[in-house]
Amino acid sequence: MKLTLQIKLLPIEEQALSLLNTIRTCNIVCNRISDIAWEKKEFNQYRLHHLVYHQTRDSSNLSAQIVVRCISKVINAYKAGKKKKRVFKPLGAITYDSRVLSYKGNTASVWSIDGRLRIGFV
């Protein structure tokens, strides 16, 4: 069962910058993955994963789960059509799952390129 929760994070300035940098980095990586998918005409998630995963992990400071989410984002974008190369905006949304984002009490624990951030929310 999927659970959708709409909350407002209350990060301090340093945490907000870290989250923005994480989103920017993820979208840069998504664009690199999209370049490879487009060049190789590979739009199958399993095969694309094997093409780009280790290279992406070695060349970025993203966690394994975030790399998997980036591959998934690229594949989902190409499901809309494969006639045009997909390009991701610098602040495009990234998907968080239970390995990347968790809650305890009134604090969210969010993975970022600077490590886990514990951020209050309402």
C-alpha atoms as a PDB file:
ATOM      1  CA  MET A   1       0.000   0.000   0.000  1.00  0.00           C
ATOM      2  CA  LYS A   2       1.321   3.432  -0.918  1.00  0.00           C
ATOM      3  CA  LEU A   3       1.075   6.177   1.632  1.00  0.00           C
ATOM      4  CA  THR A   4       1.232   9.786   0.552  1.00  0.00           C
ATOM      5  CA  LEU A   5       1.977  12.359   3.175  1.00  0.00           C
ATOM      6  CA  GLN A   6       2.000  16.089   2.589  1.00  0.00           C
ATOM      7  CA  ILE A   7       4.127  17.887   5.139  1.00  0.00           C
ATOM      8  CA  LYS A   8       6.018  21.143   5.364  1.00  0.00           C
ATOM      9  CA  LEU A   9       9.679  20.717   6.230  1.00  0.00           C
ATOM     10  CA  LEU A  10      11.224  23.367   8.447  1.00  0.00           C
ATOM     11  CA  PRO A  11      14.914  23.253   7.502  1.00  0.00           C
ATOM     12  CA  ILE A  12      17.478  25.720   8.726  1.00  0.00           C
ATOM     13  CA  GLU A  13      19.306  27.611   5.956  1.00  0.00           C
ATOM     14  CA  GLU A  14      22.196  25.128   5.804  1.00  0.00           C
ATOM     15  CA  GLN A  15      19.807  22.175   5.469  1.00  0.00           C
ATOM     16  CA  ALA A  16      17.781  23.946   2.772  1.00  0.00           C
ATOM     17  CA  LEU A  17      20.950  24.532   0.741  1.00  0.00           C
ATOM     18  CA  SER A  18      21.940  20.902   1.159  1.00  0.00           C
ATOM     19  CA  LEU A  19      18.530  19.732  -0.084  1.00  0.00           C
ATOM     20  CA  LEU A  20      18.714  22.075  -3.092  1.00  0.00           C
ATOM     21  CA  ASN A  21      22.217  20.848  -3.934  1.00  0.00           C
ATOM     22  CA  THR A  22      20.986  17.267  -3.651  1.00  0.00           C
ATOM     23  CA  ILE A  23      18.122  17.937  -6.069  1.00  0.00           C
ATOM     24  CA  ARG A  24      20.447  19.704  -8.519  1.00  0.00           C
ATOM     25  CA  THR A  25      22.974  16.865  -8.373  1.00  0.00           C
ATOM     26  CA  CYS A  26      20.262  14.247  -8.901  1.00  0.00           C
ATOM     27  CA  ASN A  27      18.959  16.041 -11.977  1.00  0.00           C
ATOM     28  CA  ILE A  28      22.466  16.397 -13.418  1.00  0.00           C
ATOM     29  CA  VAL A  29      22.859  12.637 -12.964  1.00  0.00           C
ATOM     30  CA  CYS A  30      19.428  12.036 -14.529  1.00  0.00           C
ATOM     31  CA  ASN A  31      20.532  14.034 -17.575  1.00  0.00           C
ATOM     32  CA  ARG A  32      23.714  11.942 -17.865  1.00  0.00           C
ATOM     33  CA  ILE A  33      21.692   8.738 -17.599  1.00  0.00           C
ATOM     34  CA  SER A  34      19.239  10.081 -20.174  1.00  0.00           C
ATOM     35  CA  ASP A  35      22.157  10.837 -22.532  1.00  0.00           C
ATOM     36  CA  ILE A  36      23.316   7.228 -22.290  1.00  0.00           C
ATOM     37  CA  ALA A  37      19.795   5.832 -22.649  1.00  0.00           C
ATOM     38  CA  TRP A  38      19.264   7.990 -25.742  1.00  0.00           C
ATOM     39  CA  GLU A  39      22.640   7.135 -27.325  1.00  0.00           C
ATOM     40  CA  LYS A  40      22.210   3.405 -26.744  1.00  0.00           C
ATOM     41  CA  LYS A  41      18.444   3.483 -27.375  1.00  0.00           C
ATOM     42  CA  GLU A  42      18.077   1.530 -24.152  1.00  0.00           C
ATOM     43  CA  PHE A  43      14.784   2.201 -22.395  1.00  0.00           C
ATOM     44  CA  ASN A  44      14.453  -1.012 -20.400  1.00  0.00           C
ATOM     45  CA  GLN A  45      15.042  -0.371 -16.697  1.00  0.00           C
ATOM     46  CA  TYR A  46      16.907  -3.608 -16.018  1.00  0.00           C
ATOM     47  CA  ARG A  47      19.306  -3.218 -18.951  1.00  0.00           C
ATOM     48  CA  LEU A  48      19.803   0.522 -18.410  1.00  0.00           C
ATOM     49  CA  HIS A  49      20.554  -0.148 -14.750  1.00  0.00           C
ATOM     50  CA  HIS A  50      23.340  -2.533 -15.772  1.00  0.00           C
ATOM     51  CA  LEU A  51      24.692   0.013 -18.257  1.00  0.00           C
ATOM     52  CA  VAL A  52      24.876   3.013 -15.933  1.00  0.00           C
ATOM     53  CA  TYR A  53      24.715   2.011 -12.266  1.00  0.00           C
ATOM     54  CA  HIS A  54      28.391   1.400 -11.429  1.00  0.00           C
ATOM     55  CA  GLN A  55      29.616   4.232 -13.625  1.00  0.00           C
ATOM     56  CA  THR A  56      27.157   6.611 -11.950  1.00  0.00           C
ATOM     57  CA  ARG A  57      28.047   5.450  -8.438  1.00  0.00           C
ATOM     58  CA  ASP A  58      31.758   5.900  -9.174  1.00  0.00           C
ATOM     59  CA  SER A  59      31.392   9.350 -10.739  1.00  0.00           C
ATOM     60  CA  SER A  60      28.927  10.916  -8.296  1.00  0.00           C
ATOM     61  CA  ASN A  61      28.497  11.229  -4.558  1.00  0.00           C
ATOM     62  CA  LEU A  62      24.974   9.827  -4.659  1.00  0.00           C
ATOM     63  CA  SER A  63      23.886   6.882  -2.552  1.00  0.00           C
ATOM     64  CA  ALA A  64      23.003   3.574  -4.172  1.00  0.00           C
ATOM     65  CA  GLN A  65      19.285   4.094  -3.608  1.00  0.00           C
ATOM     66  CA  ILE A  66      19.307   7.596  -5.086  1.00  0.00           C
ATOM     67  CA  VAL A  67      21.085   6.281  -8.198  1.00  0.00           C
ATOM     68  CA  VAL A  68      18.370   3.625  -8.524  1.00  0.00           C
ATOM     69  CA  ARG A  69      15.696   6.334  -8.154  1.00  0.00           C
ATOM     70  CA  CYS A  70      17.436   8.436 -10.854  1.00  0.00           C
ATOM     71  CA  ILE A  71      17.473   5.485 -13.265  1.00  0.00           C
ATOM     72  CA  SER A  72      13.786   4.958 -12.546  1.00  0.00           C
ATOM     73  CA  LYS A  73      13.037   8.647 -13.152  1.00  0.00           C
ATOM     74  CA  VAL A  74      14.717   8.479 -16.561  1.00  0.00           C
ATOM     75  CA  ILE A  75      12.891   5.293 -17.554  1.00  0.00           C
ATOM     76  CA  ASN A  76       9.548   6.765 -16.475  1.00  0.00           C
ATOM     77  CA  ALA A  77      10.222   9.881 -18.562  1.00  0.00           C
ATOM     78  CA  TYR A  78      10.844   7.759 -21.662  1.00  0.00           C
ATOM     79  CA  LYS A  79       7.581   5.881 -21.130  1.00  0.00           C
ATOM     80  CA  ALA A  80       5.841   9.005 -22.435  1.00  0.00           C
ATOM     81  CA  GLY A  81       7.639   8.588 -25.752  1.00  0.00           C
ATOM     82  CA  LYS A  82      10.957   7.552 -27.182  1.00  0.00           C
ATOM     83  CA  LYS A  83      11.104   9.910 -30.156  1.00  0.00           C
ATOM     84  CA  LYS A  84      12.607  12.798 -28.204  1.00  0.00           C
ATOM     85  CA  LYS A  85      15.544  12.854 -25.809  1.00  0.00           C
ATOM     86  CA  ARG A  86      14.440  13.676 -22.265  1.00  0.00           C
ATOM     87  CA  VAL A  87      16.087  16.565 -20.419  1.00  0.00           C
ATOM     88  CA  PHE A  88      15.512  17.244 -16.739  1.00  0.00           C
ATOM     89  CA  LYS A  89      15.229  20.678 -15.161  1.00  0.00           C
ATOM     90  CA  PRO A  90      17.773  21.567 -12.456  1.00  0.00           C
ATOM     91  CA  LEU A  91      15.117  21.645  -9.734  1.00  0.00           C
ATOM     92  CA  GLY A  92      12.930  18.830 -11.067  1.00  0.00           C
ATOM     93  CA  ALA A  93      11.332  16.606  -8.453  1.00  0.00           C
ATOM     94  CA  ILE A  94      13.088  13.511  -7.189  1.00  0.00           C
ATOM     95  CA  THR A  95      11.314  10.555  -5.647  1.00  0.00           C
ATOM     96  CA  TYR A  96      12.053   9.657  -2.069  1.00  0.00           C
ATOM     97  CA  ASP A  97      11.243   6.232  -0.699  1.00  0.00           C
ATOM     98  CA  SER A  98      11.510   4.740   2.772  1.00  0.00           C
ATOM     99  CA  ARG A  99      15.277   4.247   2.404  1.00  0.00           C
ATOM    100  CA  VAL A 100      15.821   7.924   1.634  1.00  0.00           C
ATOM    101  CA  LEU A 101      13.185   9.576   3.809  1.00  0.00           C
ATOM    102  CA  SER A 102      11.820   8.431   7.148  1.00  0.00           C
ATOM    103  CA  TYR A 103       9.850   9.932  10.011  1.00  0.00           C
ATOM    104  CA  LYS A 104      10.138   9.668  13.753  1.00  0.00           C
ATOM    105  CA  GLY A 105       7.960  11.842  15.914  1.00  0.00           C
ATOM    106  CA  ASN A 106       7.922  15.304  14.391  1.00  0.00           C
ATOM    107  CA  THR A 107      11.314  14.928  12.687  1.00  0.00           C
ATOM    108  CA  ALA A 108      12.031  13.774   9.154  1.00  0.00           C
ATOM    109  CA  SER A 109      15.324  12.080   8.351  1.00  0.00           C
ATOM    110  CA  VAL A 110      16.280  12.854   4.751  1.00  0.00           C
ATOM    111  CA  TRP A 111      19.295  11.627   2.790  1.00  0.00           C
ATOM    112  CA  SER A 112      21.337  14.411   1.181  1.00  0.00           C
ATOM    113  CA  ILE A 113      24.715  14.687  -0.501  1.00  0.00           C
ATOM    114  CA  ASP A 114      25.976  16.093   2.801  1.00  0.00           C
ATOM    115  CA  GLY A 115      24.720  13.127   4.814  1.00  0.00           C
ATOM    116  CA  ARG A 116      21.459  12.491   6.638  1.00  0.00           C
ATOM    117  CA  LEU A 117      19.577  15.577   7.699  1.00  0.00           C
ATOM    118  CA  ARG A 118      17.156  15.609  10.584  1.00  0.00           C
ATOM    119  CA  ILE A 119      14.557  18.247   9.846  1.00  0.00           C
ATOM    120  CA  GLY A 120      11.489  19.254  11.804  1.00  0.00           C
ATOM    121  CA  PHE A 121       8.145  19.413  10.048  1.00  0.00           C
ATOM    122  CA  VAL A 122       4.534  20.454  10.547  1.00  0.00           C
END
